Amino acid sequence: MELVATESVGRIAISVSALPAIFPVNFRLVNGDVVFLTGEGIKSQAAIEGAVVGFEVDQVDAEHRAGWSVMLIGQARMVTDEPKITADLRLSPWAGGARTNVVCIHPEFVSGRRIVASKS
């Protein structure tokens, strides 16, 4: 989670009609939960339904062939009862359009790996 906290962009993976759909979002960690803003659509619907989703954050150094990746799995939910979280997010979504829905993912499973260039 320390690595996740160093980044601001990740990808949420949602099942849509039994097919994987992956969307980039900018996010913040709030008390160990992934929180992001989104508009009406697939991500909001997943949160309304309480879908189990994946979330991935990584960092890649192509020049040195190194990096890391962290995968989180948890239930998405819409944040409607915590106005302070919304005010404290200080998120400015990169995508255009209204992004007023607050989605929270509480990780139940965390896995990851570091990639270090082989010494050859």
Protein backbone atom coordinates (compact mmCIF):
# COMPACT_ATOMS: atom_id res chain seq x y z
CA MET A 1 0.00 0.00 0.00
CA GLU A 2 3.00 2.27 0.48
CA LEU A 3 3.73 1.99 -3.23
CA VAL A 4 0.08 2.65 -4.16
CA ALA A 5 0.17 5.84 -2.10
CA THR A 6 3.03 7.21 -4.24
CA GLU A 7 0.92 7.28 -7.40
CA SER A 8 -2.21 9.16 -8.46
CA VAL A 9 -3.38 7.18 -11.51
CA GLY A 10 -4.57 3.59 -11.49
CA ARG A 11 -6.91 1.32 -13.42
CA ILE A 12 -10.21 -0.13 -12.26
CA ALA A 13 -11.23 -3.49 -13.74
CA ILE A 14 -14.95 -4.23 -13.88
CA SER A 15 -16.88 -7.15 -15.33
CA VAL A 16 -19.38 -5.92 -17.94
CA SER A 17 -21.64 -8.67 -19.28
CA ALA A 18 -18.98 -11.22 -18.22
CA LEU A 19 -16.27 -9.33 -20.17
CA PRO A 20 -13.40 -7.41 -18.57
CA ALA A 21 -13.50 -3.63 -18.88
CA ILE A 22 -10.56 -1.57 -17.62
CA PHE A 23 -10.64 2.18 -17.08
CA PRO A 24 -7.91 4.58 -15.95
CA VAL A 25 -8.81 6.89 -13.07
CA ASN A 26 -6.94 9.33 -10.91
CA PHE A 27 -7.39 8.47 -7.25
CA ARG A 28 -6.31 9.01 -3.67
CA LEU A 29 -5.89 6.62 -0.78
CA VAL A 30 -8.15 7.57 2.14
CA ASN A 31 -7.68 5.48 5.28
CA GLY A 32 -6.40 2.59 3.14
CA ASP A 33 -9.29 2.75 0.65
CA VAL A 34 -9.03 3.74 -3.02
CA VAL A 35 -11.30 6.74 -3.66
CA PHE A 36 -11.99 8.43 -6.98
CA LEU A 37 -14.52 10.66 -8.71
CA THR A 38 -16.51 9.51 -11.71
CA GLY A 39 -19.53 10.49 -13.76
CA GLU A 40 -22.63 8.47 -14.55
CA GLY A 41 -21.81 5.21 -16.30
CA ILE A 42 -20.16 1.85 -15.87
CA LYS A 43 -17.95 2.71 -12.89
CA SER A 44 -20.83 4.36 -11.01
CA GLN A 45 -23.14 1.44 -11.77
CA ALA A 46 -20.57 -1.04 -10.46
CA ALA A 47 -20.37 0.94 -7.20
CA ILE A 48 -24.17 1.18 -6.88
CA GLU A 49 -24.38 -2.61 -7.33
CA GLY A 50 -21.54 -3.25 -4.87
CA ALA A 51 -19.55 -5.13 -7.51
CA VAL A 52 -16.26 -6.80 -6.68
CA VAL A 53 -13.64 -5.02 -8.77
CA GLY A 54 -9.92 -5.06 -9.38
CA PHE A 55 -7.71 -2.00 -9.10
CA GLU A 56 -4.13 -1.84 -10.33
CA VAL A 57 -1.41 0.71 -9.80
CA ASP A 58 2.05 0.43 -11.24
CA GLN A 59 5.23 2.22 -12.11
CA VAL A 60 7.47 1.27 -15.02
CA ASP A 61 11.01 2.33 -15.81
CA ALA A 62 11.42 1.13 -19.41
CA GLU A 63 15.01 2.34 -19.66
CA HIS A 64 16.15 0.22 -16.72
CA ARG A 65 13.63 -2.59 -17.34
CA ALA A 66 12.34 -2.30 -13.80
CA GLY A 67 9.17 -1.37 -11.97
CA TRP A 68 6.40 -2.61 -9.75
CA SER A 69 2.73 -3.45 -9.90
CA VAL A 70 0.14 -3.71 -7.11
CA MET A 71 -3.28 -5.28 -7.57
CA LEU A 72 -6.14 -4.68 -5.14
CA ILE A 73 -9.44 -6.53 -5.11
CA GLY A 74 -12.44 -5.32 -3.17
CA GLN A 75 -16.06 -4.27 -3.28
CA ALA A 76 -16.84 -0.93 -4.87
CA ARG A 77 -19.38 1.32 -3.21
CA MET A 78 -20.77 4.77 -3.77
CA VAL A 79 -19.87 7.27 -1.05
CA THR A 80 -23.01 9.21 -0.23
CA ASP A 81 -22.83 9.65 3.54
CA GLU A 82 -19.36 11.08 3.99
CA PRO A 83 -19.26 14.68 2.68
CA LYS A 84 -15.94 15.34 4.41
CA ILE A 85 -14.22 12.71 2.23
CA THR A 86 -15.49 14.47 -0.89
CA ALA A 87 -14.23 17.84 0.33
CA ASP A 88 -10.84 16.46 1.38
CA LEU A 89 -10.13 14.55 -1.83
CA ARG A 90 -8.58 17.45 -3.70
CA LEU A 91 -9.03 15.43 -6.88
CA SER A 92 -9.19 17.07 -10.24
CA PRO A 93 -10.21 14.38 -12.75
CA TRP A 94 -8.23 14.43 -15.96
CA ALA A 95 -11.22 13.36 -18.06
CA GLY A 96 -13.71 15.99 -19.12
CA GLY A 97 -17.35 16.13 -18.07
CA ALA A 98 -19.07 16.09 -14.72
CA ARG A 99 -17.38 13.80 -12.20
CA THR A 100 -19.43 14.17 -9.04
CA ASN A 101 -19.91 10.55 -7.94
CA VAL A 102 -17.46 9.39 -5.28
CA VAL A 103 -16.50 5.71 -5.51
CA CYS A 104 -14.63 3.87 -2.76
CA ILE A 105 -12.93 0.48 -2.99
CA HIS A 106 -11.97 -1.20 0.28
CA PRO A 107 -9.20 -3.69 -0.57
CA GLU A 108 -9.84 -7.20 0.74
CA PHE A 109 -6.94 -8.72 -1.21
CA VAL A 110 -3.61 -7.07 -2.07
CA SER A 111 -0.91 -8.59 -4.23
CA GLY A 112 2.01 -7.25 -6.19
CA ARG A 113 5.44 -7.70 -7.57
CA ARG A 114 8.64 -5.84 -8.24
CA ILE A 115 10.45 -6.22 -11.51
CA VAL A 116 14.18 -5.77 -11.34
CA ALA A 117 16.39 -5.92 -14.41
CA SER A 118 18.41 -9.12 -14.59
CA LYS A 119 22.15 -8.74 -14.34
CA SER A 120 23.39 -10.26 -17.55
